Amino acid sequence: MYEIYQRLLDEKGLKNADVARATGISNMTLSDWKRGKSVPKSDKMRKIAEYLNVSVDYLMTGNEVEFIVETAKKDVLLAAIPSR
C-alpha cells in the first residue's frame, strides 16, 4: 500500500512534507506508515487520497476502476447543473 502512495508522490513531484502540510497529517504518521508500524485510519486515508486526486481504493490496492466510475458520475452530475 505504501508503495502506491510513494509512486504517486514521485509522479507528482511531492514529498511527505507536502502531504502533511496539505492534509494536517503529521510527518510522523506518514513515516510510521512507510516503516510498516501503522496504517493510516480511514479519515486520514481519505484526506491523503483526496489530496493526491485518487480513490482510497486506488491508494490501497492500485485498482482504478472505482475511481473512474466515481469520476464519471461526478462529471455527469456537474454537466447536469445549469450554468449561469
N, C-alpha and C. Protein backbone atom coordinates (compact mmCIF):
# COMPACT_ATOMS: atom_id res chain seq x y z
N MET A 1 0.82 -1.19 0.00
CA MET A 1 0.00 0.00 0.00
C MET A 1 0.87 1.26 0.00
N TYR A 2 1.88 1.28 0.81
CA TYR A 2 2.75 2.45 0.86
C TYR A 2 3.46 2.65 -0.48
N GLU A 3 3.73 1.56 -1.18
CA GLU A 3 4.42 1.66 -2.47
C GLU A 3 3.60 2.46 -3.47
N ILE A 4 2.29 2.27 -3.44
CA ILE A 4 1.41 3.02 -4.34
C ILE A 4 1.46 4.50 -3.98
N TYR A 5 1.38 4.78 -2.70
CA TYR A 5 1.47 6.16 -2.20
C TYR A 5 2.78 6.80 -2.65
N GLN A 6 3.88 6.08 -2.46
CA GLN A 6 5.19 6.63 -2.82
C GLN A 6 5.31 6.86 -4.32
N ARG A 7 4.76 5.94 -5.11
CA ARG A 7 4.79 6.11 -6.57
C ARG A 7 4.02 7.36 -6.98
N LEU A 8 2.86 7.57 -6.34
CA LEU A 8 2.07 8.78 -6.64
C LEU A 8 2.84 10.04 -6.28
N LEU A 9 3.51 10.01 -5.13
CA LEU A 9 4.33 11.17 -4.75
C LEU A 9 5.40 11.43 -5.80
N ASP A 10 6.09 10.38 -6.20
CA ASP A 10 7.16 10.52 -7.19
C ASP A 10 6.62 11.08 -8.51
N GLU A 11 5.47 10.55 -8.95
CA GLU A 11 4.87 11.01 -10.21
C GLU A 11 4.49 12.49 -10.15
N LYS A 12 4.07 12.94 -8.98
CA LYS A 12 3.60 14.30 -8.83
C LYS A 12 4.68 15.25 -8.32
N GLY A 13 5.88 14.70 -8.07
CA GLY A 13 6.98 15.52 -7.58
C GLY A 13 6.74 16.04 -6.16
N LEU A 14 6.09 15.23 -5.34
CA LEU A 14 5.76 15.65 -3.98
C LEU A 14 6.59 14.88 -2.95
N LYS A 15 6.59 15.40 -1.75
CA LYS A 15 7.26 14.77 -0.62
C LYS A 15 6.25 14.59 0.51
N ASN A 16 6.60 13.75 1.49
CA ASN A 16 5.72 13.56 2.65
C ASN A 16 5.36 14.89 3.29
N ALA A 17 6.32 15.80 3.34
CA ALA A 17 6.08 17.11 3.97
C ALA A 17 4.96 17.86 3.26
N ASP A 18 4.88 17.73 1.94
CA ASP A 18 3.81 18.38 1.18
C ASP A 18 2.45 17.81 1.57
N VAL A 19 2.39 16.48 1.67
CA VAL A 19 1.14 15.82 2.05
C VAL A 19 0.77 16.20 3.47
N ALA A 20 1.74 16.19 4.36
CA ALA A 20 1.49 16.53 5.76
C ALA A 20 0.94 17.95 5.88
N ARG A 21 1.55 18.87 5.19
CA ARG A 21 1.12 20.27 5.23
C ARG A 21 -0.30 20.43 4.69
N ALA A 22 -0.59 19.78 3.58
CA ALA A 22 -1.88 19.94 2.93
C ALA A 22 -3.02 19.22 3.64
N THR A 23 -2.71 18.12 4.33
CA THR A 23 -3.76 17.31 4.94
C THR A 23 -3.86 17.46 6.45
N GLY A 24 -2.82 18.02 7.06
CA GLY A 24 -2.81 18.11 8.51
C GLY A 24 -2.40 16.82 9.19
N ILE A 25 -1.93 15.86 8.41
CA ILE A 25 -1.44 14.58 8.95
C ILE A 25 0.04 14.75 9.25
N SER A 26 0.46 14.33 10.42
CA SER A 26 1.84 14.57 10.82
C SER A 26 2.83 13.76 9.98
N ASN A 27 4.02 14.32 9.84
CA ASN A 27 5.11 13.60 9.17
C ASN A 27 5.37 12.28 9.87
N MET A 28 5.24 12.26 11.21
CA MET A 28 5.49 11.05 11.98
C MET A 28 4.52 9.94 11.57
N THR A 29 3.26 10.30 11.39
CA THR A 29 2.26 9.31 10.97
C THR A 29 2.63 8.74 9.60
N LEU A 30 3.01 9.61 8.69
CA LEU A 30 3.40 9.16 7.35
C LEU A 30 4.67 8.31 7.40
N SER A 31 5.60 8.68 8.25
CA SER A 31 6.84 7.90 8.40
C SER A 31 6.56 6.54 9.02
N ASP A 32 5.67 6.50 10.01
CA ASP A 32 5.30 5.21 10.62
C ASP A 32 4.66 4.30 9.59
N TRP A 33 3.85 4.89 8.71
CA TRP A 33 3.23 4.12 7.64
C TRP A 33 4.31 3.54 6.73
N LYS A 34 5.28 4.36 6.36
CA LYS A 34 6.35 3.91 5.48
C LYS A 34 7.12 2.75 6.10
N ARG A 35 7.37 2.82 7.39
CA ARG A 35 8.13 1.77 8.07
C ARG A 35 7.28 0.56 8.43
N GLY A 36 6.00 0.61 8.13
CA GLY A 36 5.13 -0.52 8.41
C GLY A 36 4.68 -0.60 9.86
N LYS A 37 4.89 0.47 10.61
CA LYS A 37 4.47 0.50 12.02
C LYS A 37 2.98 0.72 12.17
N SER A 38 2.36 1.32 11.16
CA SER A 38 0.93 1.60 11.25
C SER A 38 0.36 1.75 9.85
N VAL A 39 -0.95 1.83 9.81
CA VAL A 39 -1.68 2.13 8.58
C VAL A 39 -2.58 3.30 8.91
N PRO A 40 -2.63 4.33 8.08
CA PRO A 40 -3.48 5.48 8.38
C PRO A 40 -4.94 5.06 8.57
N LYS A 41 -5.60 5.67 9.53
CA LYS A 41 -7.02 5.41 9.74
C LYS A 41 -7.80 5.92 8.54
N SER A 42 -9.04 5.48 8.42
CA SER A 42 -9.83 5.76 7.22
C SER A 42 -9.98 7.25 6.94
N ASP A 43 -10.14 8.08 7.99
CA ASP A 43 -10.29 9.51 7.74
C ASP A 43 -9.01 10.11 7.18
N LYS A 44 -7.87 9.65 7.66
CA LYS A 44 -6.59 10.16 7.15
C LYS A 44 -6.32 9.62 5.75
N MET A 45 -6.69 8.36 5.53
CA MET A 45 -6.51 7.77 4.20
C MET A 45 -7.33 8.55 3.19
N ARG A 46 -8.54 8.95 3.57
CA ARG A 46 -9.40 9.72 2.68
C ARG A 46 -8.77 11.08 2.36
N LYS A 47 -8.21 11.74 3.36
CA LYS A 47 -7.55 13.03 3.13
C LYS A 47 -6.37 12.88 2.18
N ILE A 48 -5.58 11.84 2.38
CA ILE A 48 -4.42 11.59 1.51
C ILE A 48 -4.90 11.34 0.08
N ALA A 49 -5.91 10.49 -0.07
CA ALA A 49 -6.43 10.17 -1.40
C ALA A 49 -6.98 11.41 -2.09
N GLU A 50 -7.73 12.22 -1.36
CA GLU A 50 -8.28 13.44 -1.95
C GLU A 50 -7.16 14.38 -2.39
N TYR A 51 -6.15 14.53 -1.56
CA TYR A 51 -5.04 15.41 -1.92
C TYR A 51 -4.32 14.91 -3.17
N LEU A 52 -4.17 13.59 -3.29
CA LEU A 52 -3.47 13.02 -4.44
C LEU A 52 -4.40 12.80 -5.63
N ASN A 53 -5.69 13.13 -5.45
CA ASN A 53 -6.69 13.01 -6.51
C ASN A 53 -6.85 11.57 -7.00
N VAL A 54 -6.93 10.65 -6.04
CA VAL A 54 -7.20 9.24 -6.33
C VAL A 54 -8.24 8.75 -5.33
N SER A 55 -8.78 7.57 -5.57
CA SER A 55 -9.72 7.00 -4.62
C SER A 55 -8.94 6.32 -3.50
N VAL A 56 -9.61 6.10 -2.38
CA VAL A 56 -8.99 5.35 -1.28
C VAL A 56 -8.67 3.94 -1.76
N ASP A 57 -9.59 3.34 -2.54
CA ASP A 57 -9.33 2.00 -3.08
C ASP A 57 -8.06 1.99 -3.91
N TYR A 58 -7.89 3.00 -4.75
CA TYR A 58 -6.67 3.04 -5.57
C TYR A 58 -5.43 3.18 -4.69
N LEU A 59 -5.52 4.01 -3.69
CA LEU A 59 -4.39 4.22 -2.79
C LEU A 59 -4.03 2.93 -2.07
N MET A 60 -5.03 2.13 -1.75
CA MET A 60 -4.79 0.89 -1.01
C MET A 60 -4.43 -0.28 -1.91
N THR A 61 -5.00 -0.33 -3.11
CA THR A 61 -4.84 -1.53 -3.94
C THR A 61 -4.22 -1.29 -5.31
N GLY A 62 -4.24 -0.04 -5.76
CA GLY A 62 -3.77 0.25 -7.11
C GLY A 62 -4.85 0.03 -8.15
N ASN A 63 -6.08 -0.29 -7.71
CA ASN A 63 -7.19 -0.55 -8.60
C ASN A 63 -7.91 0.76 -8.92
N GLU A 64 -7.99 1.12 -10.19
CA GLU A 64 -8.56 2.39 -10.61
C GLU A 64 -10.04 2.33 -10.94
N VAL A 65 -10.64 1.17 -11.03
CA VAL A 65 -11.99 1.04 -11.56
C VAL A 65 -12.98 1.92 -10.80
N GLU A 66 -13.02 1.83 -9.48
CA GLU A 66 -13.99 2.63 -8.73
C GLU A 66 -13.75 4.11 -8.93
N PHE A 67 -12.50 4.53 -8.96
CA PHE A 67 -12.19 5.95 -9.13
C PHE A 67 -12.71 6.45 -10.48
N ILE A 68 -12.54 5.66 -11.51
CA ILE A 68 -13.01 6.04 -12.84
C ILE A 68 -14.53 6.16 -12.82
N VAL A 69 -15.22 5.21 -12.22
CA VAL A 69 -16.68 5.24 -12.15
C VAL A 69 -17.14 6.45 -11.34
N GLU A 70 -16.54 6.68 -10.19
CA GLU A 70 -16.94 7.82 -9.36
C GLU A 70 -16.67 9.15 -10.07
N THR A 71 -15.55 9.25 -10.77
CA THR A 71 -15.23 10.47 -11.51
C THR A 71 -16.25 10.68 -12.63
N ALA A 72 -16.63 9.62 -13.32
CA ALA A 72 -17.62 9.72 -14.38
C ALA A 72 -18.97 10.17 -13.82
N LYS A 73 -19.35 9.65 -12.65
CA LYS A 73 -20.60 10.06 -12.02
C LYS A 73 -20.57 11.55 -11.69
N LYS A 74 -19.46 12.02 -11.15
CA LYS A 74 -19.33 13.43 -10.81
C LYS A 74 -19.42 14.29 -12.07
N ASP A 75 -18.77 13.83 -13.15
CA ASP A 75 -18.81 14.59 -14.40
C ASP A 75 -20.24 14.70 -14.92
N VAL A 76 -21.00 13.62 -14.84
CA VAL A 76 -22.39 13.62 -15.29
C VAL A 76 -23.21 14.57 -14.44
N LEU A 77 -23.00 14.52 -13.11
CA LEU A 77 -23.75 15.41 -12.23
C LEU A 77 -23.41 16.87 -12.51
N LEU A 78 -22.14 17.16 -12.71
CA LEU A 78 -21.72 18.53 -12.98
C LEU A 78 -22.29 19.03 -14.31
N ALA A 79 -22.34 18.13 -15.30
CA ALA A 79 -22.87 18.52 -16.60
C ALA A 79 -24.38 18.82 -16.52
N ALA A 80 -25.05 18.22 -15.55
CA ALA A 80 -26.49 18.41 -15.41
C ALA A 80 -26.84 19.73 -14.70
N ILE A 81 -25.86 20.34 -14.07
CA ILE A 81 -26.10 21.59 -13.36
C ILE A 81 -26.06 22.74 -14.38
N PRO A 82 -27.15 23.49 -14.47
CA PRO A 82 -27.17 24.59 -15.44
C PRO A 82 -26.14 25.66 -15.08
N SER A 83 -25.47 26.16 -16.08
CA SER A 83 -24.51 27.24 -15.83
C SER A 83 -25.26 28.56 -15.83
N ARG A 84 -24.69 29.51 -15.13
CA ARG A 84 -25.35 30.82 -15.00
C ARG A 84 -24.85 31.77 -16.04
